[in-house]
PDB file of N, CA and C in Angstrom:
ATOM      1  N   MET A   1      11.360  15.251   5.416  1.00  0.00           N
ATOM      2  CA  MET A   1      10.225  14.371   5.637  1.00  0.00           C
ATOM      3  C   MET A   1       9.448  14.224   4.328  1.00  0.00           C
ATOM      4  N   PRO A   2       9.065  12.989   3.985  1.00  0.00           N
ATOM      5  CA  PRO A   2       8.332  12.765   2.727  1.00  0.00           C
ATOM      6  C   PRO A   2       6.977  13.466   2.728  1.00  0.00           C
ATOM      7  N   ALA A   3       6.576  13.889   1.575  1.00  0.00           N
ATOM      8  CA  ALA A   3       5.289  14.561   1.422  1.00  0.00           C
ATOM      9  C   ALA A   3       4.196  13.617   0.938  1.00  0.00           C
ATOM     10  N   ALA A   4       4.598  12.458   0.406  1.00  0.00           N
ATOM     11  CA  ALA A   4       3.613  11.547  -0.176  1.00  0.00           C
ATOM     12  C   ALA A   4       4.159  10.126  -0.197  1.00  0.00           C
ATOM     13  N   TYR A   5       3.237   9.192  -0.380  1.00  0.00           N
ATOM     14  CA  TYR A   5       3.603   7.772  -0.381  1.00  0.00           C
ATOM     15  C   TYR A   5       2.832   7.017  -1.450  1.00  0.00           C
ATOM     16  N   PHE A   6       3.498   6.053  -2.037  1.00  0.00           N
ATOM     17  CA  PHE A   6       2.861   5.004  -2.837  1.00  0.00           C
ATOM     18  C   PHE A   6       2.848   3.782  -1.925  1.00  0.00           C
ATOM     19  N   TYR A   7       1.753   3.035  -1.913  1.00  0.00           N
ATOM     20  CA  TYR A   7       1.678   1.880  -1.011  1.00  0.00           C
ATOM     21  C   TYR A   7       0.917   0.725  -1.642  1.00  0.00           C
ATOM     22  N   ILE A   8       1.172  -0.456  -1.093  1.00  0.00           N
ATOM     23  CA  ILE A   8       0.435  -1.650  -1.500  1.00  0.00           C
ATOM     24  C   ILE A   8      -0.113  -2.309  -0.245  1.00  0.00           C
ATOM     25  N   LEU A   9      -1.408  -2.623  -0.284  1.00  0.00           N
ATOM     26  CA  LEU A   9      -2.066  -3.381   0.771  1.00  0.00           C
ATOM     27  C   LEU A   9      -2.370  -4.777   0.245  1.00  0.00           C
ATOM     28  N   ALA A  10      -2.464  -5.739   1.158  1.00  0.00           N
ATOM     29  CA  ALA A  10      -2.824  -7.110   0.795  1.00  0.00           C
ATOM     30  C   ALA A  10      -3.825  -7.655   1.804  1.00  0.00           C
ATOM     31  N   SER A  11      -4.630  -8.600   1.363  1.00  0.00           N
ATOM     32  CA  SER A  11      -5.572  -9.252   2.268  1.00  0.00           C
ATOM     33  C   SER A  11      -4.847 -10.291   3.120  1.00  0.00           C
ATOM     34  N   GLU A  12      -3.821 -10.893   2.550  1.00  0.00           N
ATOM     35  CA  GLU A  12      -2.987 -11.901   3.209  1.00  0.00           C
ATOM     36  C   GLU A  12      -1.788 -12.153   2.296  1.00  0.00           C
ATOM     37  N   ARG A  13      -0.876 -13.008   2.691  1.00  0.00           N
ATOM     38  CA  ARG A  13       0.267 -13.318   1.836  1.00  0.00           C
ATOM     39  C   ARG A  13      -0.240 -13.873   0.508  1.00  0.00           C
ATOM     40  N   ASN A  14       0.223 -13.294  -0.582  1.00  0.00           N
ATOM     41  CA  ASN A  14      -0.183 -13.694  -1.937  1.00  0.00           C
ATOM     42  C   ASN A  14      -1.683 -13.536  -2.178  1.00  0.00           C
ATOM     43  N   GLY A  15      -2.346 -12.710  -1.377  1.00  0.00           N
ATOM     44  CA  GLY A  15      -3.787 -12.522  -1.508  1.00  0.00           C
ATOM     45  C   GLY A  15      -4.131 -11.373  -2.441  1.00  0.00           C
ATOM     46  N   THR A  16      -5.305 -10.826  -2.242  1.00  0.00           N
ATOM     47  CA  THR A  16      -5.777  -9.707  -3.031  1.00  0.00           C
ATOM     48  C   THR A  16      -4.920  -8.484  -2.742  1.00  0.00           C
ATOM     49  N   LEU A  17      -4.542  -7.742  -3.791  1.00  0.00           N
ATOM     50  CA  LEU A  17      -3.670  -6.577  -3.652  1.00  0.00           C
ATOM     51  C   LEU A  17      -4.413  -5.297  -4.000  1.00  0.00           C
ATOM     52  N   TYR A  18      -3.977  -4.205  -3.382  1.00  0.00           N
ATOM     53  CA  TYR A  18      -4.497  -2.874  -3.672  1.00  0.00           C
ATOM     54  C   TYR A  18      -3.336  -1.903  -3.691  1.00  0.00           C
ATOM     55  N   CYS A  19      -3.240  -1.101  -4.733  1.00  0.00           N
ATOM     56  CA  CYS A  19      -2.201  -0.073  -4.845  1.00  0.00           C
ATOM     57  C   CYS A  19      -2.853   1.292  -4.653  1.00  0.00           C
ATOM     58  N   GLY A  20      -2.169   2.153  -3.901  1.00  0.00           N
ATOM     59  CA  GLY A  20      -2.710   3.486  -3.678  1.00  0.00           C
ATOM     60  C   GLY A  20      -1.602   4.495  -3.462  1.00  0.00           C
ATOM     61  N   SER A  21      -1.993   5.763  -3.339  1.00  0.00           N
ATOM     62  CA  SER A  21      -1.061   6.834  -3.022  1.00  0.00           C
ATOM     63  C   SER A  21      -1.775   7.814  -2.112  1.00  0.00           C
ATOM     64  N   THR A  22      -0.996   8.496  -1.284  1.00  0.00           N
ATOM     65  CA  THR A  22      -1.582   9.393  -0.298  1.00  0.00           C
ATOM     66  C   THR A  22      -0.544  10.362   0.235  1.00  0.00           C
ATOM     67  N   ALA A  23      -1.015  11.438   0.833  1.00  0.00           N
ATOM     68  CA  ALA A  23      -0.119  12.381   1.500  1.00  0.00           C
ATOM     69  C   ALA A  23       0.098  11.980   2.957  1.00  0.00           C
ATOM     70  N   GLY A  24      -0.791  11.179   3.535  1.00  0.00           N
ATOM     71  CA  GLY A  24      -0.677  10.753   4.931  1.00  0.00           C
ATOM     72  C   GLY A  24      -0.829   9.253   5.054  1.00  0.00           C
ATOM     73  N   LEU A  25       0.272   8.530   5.017  1.00  0.00           N
ATOM     74  CA  LEU A  25       0.214   7.067   4.962  1.00  0.00           C
ATOM     75  C   LEU A  25      -0.422   6.445   6.202  1.00  0.00           C
ATOM     76  N   ALA A  26       0.017   6.821   7.389  1.00  0.00           N
ATOM     77  CA  ALA A  26      -0.519   6.209   8.612  1.00  0.00           C
ATOM     78  C   ALA A  26      -2.028   6.420   8.710  1.00  0.00           C
ATOM     79  N   ASN A  27      -2.482   7.626   8.441  1.00  0.00           N
ATOM     80  CA  ASN A  27      -3.910   7.918   8.510  1.00  0.00           C
ATOM     81  C   ASN A  27      -4.688   7.143   7.454  1.00  0.00           C
ATOM     82  N   ARG A  28      -4.140   7.066   6.248  1.00  0.00           N
ATOM     83  CA  ARG A  28      -4.853   6.374   5.167  1.00  0.00           C
ATOM     84  C   ARG A  28      -4.972   4.883   5.449  1.00  0.00           C
ATOM     85  N   VAL A  29      -3.904   4.270   5.949  1.00  0.00           N
ATOM     86  CA  VAL A  29      -3.965   2.838   6.272  1.00  0.00           C
ATOM     87  C   VAL A  29      -4.940   2.610   7.423  1.00  0.00           C
ATOM     88  N   PHE A  30      -4.963   3.518   8.385  1.00  0.00           N
ATOM     89  CA  PHE A  30      -5.926   3.442   9.482  1.00  0.00           C
ATOM     90  C   PHE A  30      -7.353   3.417   8.925  1.00  0.00           C
ATOM     91  N   GLU A  31      -7.623   4.250   7.936  1.00  0.00           N
ATOM     92  CA  GLU A  31      -8.947   4.268   7.303  1.00  0.00           C
ATOM     93  C   GLU A  31      -9.249   2.936   6.631  1.00  0.00           C
ATOM     94  N   HIS A  32      -8.256   2.362   5.941  1.00  0.00           N
ATOM     95  CA  HIS A  32      -8.467   1.053   5.307  1.00  0.00           C
ATOM     96  C   HIS A  32      -8.750  -0.008   6.372  1.00  0.00           C
ATOM     97  N   LYS A  33      -7.961  -0.031   7.426  1.00  0.00           N
ATOM     98  CA  LYS A  33      -8.120  -1.038   8.476  1.00  0.00           C
ATOM     99  C   LYS A  33      -9.467  -0.932   9.176  1.00  0.00           C
ATOM    100  N   GLY A  34      -9.959   0.285   9.346  1.00  0.00           N
ATOM    101  CA  GLY A  34     -11.233   0.496  10.016  1.00  0.00           C
ATOM    102  C   GLY A  34     -12.434   0.468   9.092  1.00  0.00           C
ATOM    103  N   HIS A  35     -12.202   0.186   7.814  1.00  0.00           N
ATOM    104  CA  HIS A  35     -13.276   0.166   6.809  1.00  0.00           C
ATOM    105  C   HIS A  35     -14.084   1.464   6.872  1.00  0.00           C
ATOM    106  N   LEU A  36     -13.368   2.583   7.002  1.00  0.00           N
ATOM    107  CA  LEU A  36     -14.016   3.880   7.150  1.00  0.00           C
ATOM    108  C   LEU A  36     -14.498   4.472   5.832  1.00  0.00           C
ATOM    109  N   ARG A  37     -14.029   3.923   4.725  1.00  0.00           N
ATOM    110  CA  ARG A  37     -14.496   4.360   3.411  1.00  0.00           C
ATOM    111  C   ARG A  37     -14.990   3.134   2.649  1.00  0.00           C
ATOM    112  N   PRO A  38     -16.170   3.211   2.079  1.00  0.00           N
ATOM    113  CA  PRO A  38     -16.648   2.068   1.301  1.00  0.00           C
ATOM    114  C   PRO A  38     -15.814   1.914   0.030  1.00  0.00           C
ATOM    115  N   GLY A  39     -15.709   0.697  -0.440  1.00  0.00           N
ATOM    116  CA  GLY A  39     -14.980   0.466  -1.682  1.00  0.00           C
ATOM    117  C   GLY A  39     -14.273  -0.871  -1.697  1.00  0.00           C
ATOM    118  N   PHE A  40     -13.309  -0.962  -2.580  1.00  0.00           N
ATOM    119  CA  PHE A  40     -12.604  -2.215  -2.845  1.00  0.00           C
ATOM    120  C   PHE A  40     -11.974  -2.825  -1.595  1.00  0.00           C
ATOM    121  N   THR A  41     -11.217  -2.039  -0.845  1.00  0.00           N
ATOM    122  CA  THR A  41     -10.501  -2.600   0.304  1.00  0.00           C
ATOM    123  C   THR A  41     -11.452  -3.068   1.393  1.00  0.00           C
ATOM    124  N   SER A  42     -12.541  -2.365   1.593  1.00  0.00           N
ATOM    125  CA  SER A  42     -13.537  -2.797   2.576  1.00  0.00           C
ATOM    126  C   SER A  42     -14.229  -4.073   2.119  1.00  0.00           C
ATOM    127  N   ARG A  43     -14.577  -4.108   0.849  1.00  0.00           N
ATOM    128  CA  ARG A  43     -15.307  -5.249   0.302  1.00  0.00           C
ATOM    129  C   ARG A  43     -14.483  -6.532   0.337  1.00  0.00           C
ATOM    130  N   TYR A  44     -13.168  -6.422   0.082  1.00  0.00           N
ATOM    131  CA  TYR A  44     -12.336  -7.619  -0.015  1.00  0.00           C
ATOM    132  C   TYR A  44     -11.389  -7.817   1.166  1.00  0.00           C
ATOM    133  N   GLY A  45     -11.510  -7.023   2.211  1.00  0.00           N
ATOM    134  CA  GLY A  45     -10.694  -7.198   3.407  1.00  0.00           C
ATOM    135  C   GLY A  45      -9.210  -6.970   3.178  1.00  0.00           C
ATOM    136  N   VAL A  46      -8.894  -5.997   2.363  1.00  0.00           N
ATOM    137  CA  VAL A  46      -7.498  -5.702   2.019  1.00  0.00           C
ATOM    138  C   VAL A  46      -7.004  -4.607   2.974  1.00  0.00           C
ATOM    139  N   THR A  47      -6.330  -5.013   4.050  1.00  0.00           N
ATOM    140  CA  THR A  47      -5.976  -4.061   5.108  1.00  0.00           C
ATOM    141  C   THR A  47      -4.527  -4.152   5.572  1.00  0.00           C
ATOM    142  N   ARG A  48      -3.767  -5.092   5.068  1.00  0.00           N
ATOM    143  CA  ARG A  48      -2.384  -5.281   5.533  1.00  0.00           C
ATOM    144  C   ARG A  48      -1.416  -4.461   4.673  1.00  0.00           C
ATOM    145  N   LEU A  49      -0.723  -3.496   5.292  1.00  0.00           N
ATOM    146  CA  LEU A  49       0.274  -2.695   4.580  1.00  0.00           C
ATOM    147  C   LEU A  49       1.520  -3.551   4.386  1.00  0.00           C
ATOM    148  N   VAL A  50       1.821  -3.903   3.130  1.00  0.00           N
ATOM    149  CA  VAL A  50       2.948  -4.797   2.866  1.00  0.00           C
ATOM    150  C   VAL A  50       4.098  -4.132   2.113  1.00  0.00           C
ATOM    151  N   TYR A  51       3.867  -2.915   1.599  1.00  0.00           N
ATOM    152  CA  TYR A  51       4.918  -2.233   0.843  1.00  0.00           C
ATOM    153  C   TYR A  51       4.595  -0.748   0.773  1.00  0.00           C
ATOM    154  N   TYR A  52       5.634   0.088   0.815  1.00  0.00           N
ATOM    155  CA  TYR A  52       5.435   1.509   0.559  1.00  0.00           C
ATOM    156  C   TYR A  52       6.738   2.169   0.137  1.00  0.00           C
ATOM    157  N   GLU A  53       6.595   3.287  -0.556  1.00  0.00           N
ATOM    158  CA  GLU A  53       7.714   4.114  -0.996  1.00  0.00           C
ATOM    159  C   GLU A  53       7.370   5.556  -0.664  1.00  0.00           C
ATOM    160  N   ALA A  54       8.367   6.323  -0.251  1.00  0.00           N
ATOM    161  CA  ALA A  54       8.177   7.738   0.082  1.00  0.00           C
ATOM    162  C   ALA A  54       8.616   8.624  -1.077  1.00  0.00           C
ATOM    163  N   TYR A  55       7.897   9.720  -1.269  1.00  0.00           N
ATOM    164  CA  TYR A  55       8.180  10.676  -2.338  1.00  0.00           C
ATOM    165  C   TYR A  55       8.102  12.098  -1.796  1.00  0.00           C
ATOM    166  N   ASP A  56       8.788  13.006  -2.466  1.00  0.00           N
ATOM    167  CA  ASP A  56       8.742  14.412  -2.087  1.00  0.00           C
ATOM    168  C   ASP A  56       7.477  15.098  -2.591  1.00  0.00           C
ATOM    169  N   ARG A  57       6.906  14.562  -3.673  1.00  0.00           N
ATOM    170  CA  ARG A  57       5.720  15.190  -4.267  1.00  0.00           C
ATOM    171  C   ARG A  57       4.615  14.162  -4.476  1.00  0.00           C
ATOM    172  N   LEU A  58       3.389  14.565  -4.195  1.00  0.00           N
ATOM    173  CA  LEU A  58       2.245  13.672  -4.360  1.00  0.00           C
ATOM    174  C   LEU A  58       2.106  13.219  -5.808  1.00  0.00           C
ATOM    175  N   MET A  59       2.394  14.096  -6.752  1.00  0.00           N
ATOM    176  CA  MET A  59       2.248  13.700  -8.160  1.00  0.00           C
ATOM    177  C   MET A  59       3.214  12.570  -8.535  1.00  0.00           C
ATOM    178  N   ASP A  60       4.371  12.502  -7.884  1.00  0.00           N
ATOM    179  CA  ASP A  60       5.310  11.403  -8.138  1.00  0.00           C
ATOM    180  C   ASP A  60       4.783  10.092  -7.556  1.00  0.00           C
ATOM    181  N   ALA A  61       4.196  10.160  -6.367  1.00  0.00           N
ATOM    182  CA  ALA A  61       3.606   8.963  -5.756  1.00  0.00           C
ATOM    183  C   ALA A  61       2.437   8.457  -6.594  1.00  0.00           C
ATOM    184  N   ARG A  62       1.618   9.379  -7.093  1.00  0.00           N
ATOM    185  CA  ARG A  62       0.477   8.995  -7.935  1.00  0.00           C
ATOM    186  C   ARG A  62       0.948   8.377  -9.246  1.00  0.00           C
ATOM    187  N   SER A  63       1.991   8.943  -9.813  1.00  0.00           N
ATOM    188  CA  SER A  63       2.544   8.405 -11.048  1.00  0.00           C
ATOM    189  C   SER A  63       3.012   6.967 -10.838  1.00  0.00           C
ATOM    190  N   ARG A  64       3.695   6.726  -9.734  1.00  0.00           N
ATOM    191  CA  ARG A  64       4.161   5.366  -9.400  1.00  0.00           C
ATOM    192  C   ARG A  64       2.970   4.431  -9.221  1.00  0.00           C
ATOM    193  N   GLU A  65       1.931   4.902  -8.542  1.00  0.00           N
ATOM    194  CA  GLU A  65       0.721   4.091  -8.345  1.00  0.00           C
ATOM    195  C   GLU A  65       0.142   3.662  -9.687  1.00  0.00           C
ATOM    196  N   TYR A  66      -0.035   4.608 -10.599  1.00  0.00           N
ATOM    197  CA  TYR A  66      -0.645   4.305 -11.893  1.00  0.00           C
ATOM    198  C   TYR A  66       0.211   3.327 -12.702  1.00  0.00           C
ATOM    199  N   LYS A  67       1.536   3.458 -12.609  1.00  0.00           N
ATOM    200  CA  LYS A  67       2.424   2.537 -13.323  1.00  0.00           C
ATOM    201  C   LYS A  67       2.327   1.134 -12.747  1.00  0.00           C
ATOM    202  N   VAL A  68       2.429   1.012 -11.430  1.00  0.00           N
ATOM    203  CA  VAL A  68       2.427  -0.307 -10.791  1.00  0.00           C
ATOM    204  C   VAL A  68       1.075  -0.997 -10.962  1.00  0.00           C
ATOM    205  N   LYS A  69      -0.008  -0.253 -10.966  1.00  0.00           N
ATOM    206  CA  LYS A  69      -1.328  -0.857 -11.170  1.00  0.00           C
ATOM    207  C   LYS A  69      -1.410  -1.601 -12.496  1.00  0.00           C
ATOM    208  N   LYS A  70      -0.632  -1.177 -13.478  1.00  0.00           N
ATOM    209  CA  LYS A  70      -0.640  -1.822 -14.795  1.00  0.00           C
ATOM    210  C   LYS A  70       0.288  -3.032 -14.879  1.00  0.00           C
ATOM    211  N   TRP A  71       1.107  -3.214 -13.859  1.00  0.00           N
ATOM    212  CA  TRP A  71       2.054  -4.333 -13.866  1.00  0.00           C
ATOM    213  C   TRP A  71       1.339  -5.676 -13.767  1.00  0.00           C
ATOM    214  N   ARG A  72       2.061  -6.705 -14.190  1.00  0.00           N
ATOM    215  CA  ARG A  72       1.608  -8.076 -13.973  1.00  0.00           C
ATOM    216  C   ARG A  72       1.643  -8.373 -12.475  1.00  0.00           C
ATOM    217  N   ARG A  73       0.780  -9.253 -12.046  1.00  0.00           N
ATOM    218  CA  ARG A  73       0.706  -9.622 -10.634  1.00  0.00           C
ATOM    219  C   ARG A  73       2.048 -10.130 -10.116  1.00  0.00           C
ATOM    220  N   ALA A  74       2.734 -10.954 -10.891  1.00  0.00           N
ATOM    221  CA  ALA A  74       4.024 -11.516 -10.468  1.00  0.00           C
ATOM    222  C   ALA A  74       5.045 -10.419 -10.175  1.00  0.00           C
ATOM    223  N   TRP A  75       5.018  -9.344 -10.929  1.00  0.00           N
ATOM    224  CA  TRP A  75       5.952  -8.236 -10.702  1.00  0.00           C
ATOM    225  C   TRP A  75       5.624  -7.525  -9.388  1.00  0.00           C
ATOM    226  N   LYS A  76       4.325  -7.370  -9.102  1.00  0.00           N
ATOM    227  CA  LYS A  76       3.915  -6.744  -7.839  1.00  0.00           C
ATOM    228  C   LYS A  76       4.353  -7.606  -6.652  1.00  0.00           C
ATOM    229  N   LEU A  77       4.174  -8.904  -6.780  1.00  0.00           N
ATOM    230  CA  LEU A  77       4.590  -9.810  -5.699  1.00  0.00           C
ATOM    231  C   LEU A  77       6.093  -9.730  -5.477  1.00  0.00           C
ATOM    232  N   ALA A  78       6.860  -9.668  -6.539  1.00  0.00           N
ATOM    233  CA  ALA A  78       8.319  -9.545  -6.431  1.00  0.00           C
ATOM    234  C   ALA A  78       8.707  -8.220  -5.774  1.00  0.00           C
ATOM    235  N   LEU A  79       7.994  -7.165  -6.105  1.00  0.00           N
ATOM    236  CA  LEU A  79       8.262  -5.860  -5.495  1.00  0.00           C
ATOM    237  C   LEU A  79       8.018  -5.917  -3.988  1.00  0.00           C
ATOM    238  N   ILE A  80       6.907  -6.485  -3.585  1.00  0.00           N
ATOM    239  CA  ILE A  80       6.589  -6.623  -2.157  1.00  0.00           C
ATOM    240  C   ILE A  80       7.679  -7.431  -1.460  1.00  0.00           C
ATOM    241  N   GLU A  81       8.048  -8.558  -2.035  1.00  0.00           N
ATOM    242  CA  GLU A  81       9.021  -9.440  -1.389  1.00  0.00           C
ATOM    243  C   GLU A  81      10.428  -8.860  -1.366  1.00  0.00           C
ATOM    244  N   SER A  82      10.712  -7.878  -2.227  1.00  0.00           N
ATOM    245  CA  SER A  82      12.029  -7.238  -2.191  1.00  0.00           C
ATOM    246  C   SER A  82      12.197  -6.398  -0.923  1.00  0.00           C
ATOM    247  N   MET A  83      11.102  -5.879  -0.390  1.00  0.00           N
ATOM    248  CA  MET A  83      11.142  -5.062   0.826  1.00  0.00           C
ATOM    249  C   MET A  83      10.655  -5.826   2.044  1.00  0.00           C
ATOM    250  N   ASN A  84       9.728  -6.731   1.839  1.00  0.00           N
ATOM    251  CA  ASN A  84       9.026  -7.372   2.940  1.00  0.00           C
ATOM    252  C   ASN A  84       8.807  -8.857   2.636  1.00  0.00           C
ATOM    253  N   PRO A  85       9.879  -9.654   2.654  1.00  0.00           N
ATOM    254  CA  PRO A  85       9.767 -11.061   2.247  1.00  0.00           C
ATOM    255  C   PRO A  85       8.832 -11.894   3.123  1.00  0.00           C
ATOM    256  N   GLN A  86       8.581 -11.455   4.334  1.00  0.00           N
ATOM    257  CA  GLN A  86       7.686 -12.210   5.225  1.00  0.00           C
ATOM    258  C   GLN A  86       6.255 -11.681   5.206  1.00  0.00           C
ATOM    259  N   TRP A  87       6.011 -10.669   4.395  1.00  0.00           N
ATOM    260  CA  TRP A  87       4.677 -10.083   4.255  1.00  0.00           C
ATOM    261  C   TRP A  87       4.128  -9.609   5.603  1.00  0.00           C
ATOM    262  N   LEU A  88       4.985  -9.021   6.410  1.00  0.00           N
ATOM    263  CA  LEU A  88       4.546  -8.474   7.686  1.00  0.00           C
ATOM    264  C   LEU A  88       3.668  -7.253   7.443  1.00  0.00           C
ATOM    265  N   ASP A  89       2.783  -6.963   8.390  1.00  0.00           N
ATOM    266  CA  ASP A  89       1.991  -5.740   8.312  1.00  0.00           C
ATOM    267  C   ASP A  89       2.873  -4.609   8.797  1.00  0.00           C
ATOM    268  N   LEU A  90       3.244  -3.714   7.900  1.00  0.00           N
ATOM    269  CA  LEU A  90       4.176  -2.626   8.203  1.00  0.00           C
ATOM    270  C   LEU A  90       3.517  -1.442   8.892  1.00  0.00           C
ATOM    271  N   TYR A  91       2.232  -1.499   9.096  1.00  0.00           N
ATOM    272  CA  TYR A  91       1.499  -0.388   9.702  1.00  0.00           C
ATOM    273  C   TYR A  91       2.055  -0.034  11.084  1.00  0.00           C
ATOM    274  N   GLU A  92       2.329  -1.046  11.894  1.00  0.00           N
ATOM    275  CA  GLU A  92       2.840  -0.789  13.248  1.00  0.00           C
ATOM    276  C   GLU A  92       4.185  -0.068  13.224  1.00  0.00           C
ATOM    277  N   SER A  93       4.986  -0.323  12.220  1.00  0.00           N
ATOM    278  CA  SER A  93       6.298   0.321  12.140  1.00  0.00           C
ATOM    279  C   SER A  93       6.203   1.803  11.774  1.00  0.00           C
ATOM    280  N   LEU A  94       5.068   2.246  11.269  1.00  0.00           N
ATOM    281  CA  LEU A  94       4.900   3.657  10.906  1.00  0.00           C
ATOM    282  C   LEU A  94       4.867   4.554  12.124  1.00  0.00           C
ATOM    283  N   ALA A  95       4.366   4.045  13.232  1.00  0.00           N
ATOM    284  CA  ALA A  95       4.262   4.856  14.457  1.00  0.00           C
ATOM    285  C   ALA A  95       5.604   4.986  15.158  1.00  0.00           C
ATOM    286  N   ASN A  96       6.535   4.105  14.867  1.00  0.00           N
ATOM    287  CA  ASN A  96       7.850   4.122  15.535  1.00  0.00           C
ATOM    288  C   ASN A  96       8.822   5.033  14.846  1.00  0.00           C
TER     289      ASN A  96
END
């Protein structure tokens, strides 16, 4: 079982993006969706989980987050579409 995740949230298809990392993906996305923590995602309505990767170590997920945050927007969009071409909210699939 993965110990950590790198993830990307979006406000809508091709909308505002947010990159993050966490040890508990379902719980963290739940917090974003419920606006339980003030900040960027609450302010801009960025709540749709559109991409994620699993890692064995949190430091690897964080490293991926920091790298992807520096990418050009077009590269991030291509990454999302490689896994989720329809930009579905993947949050529901986490519970299954």
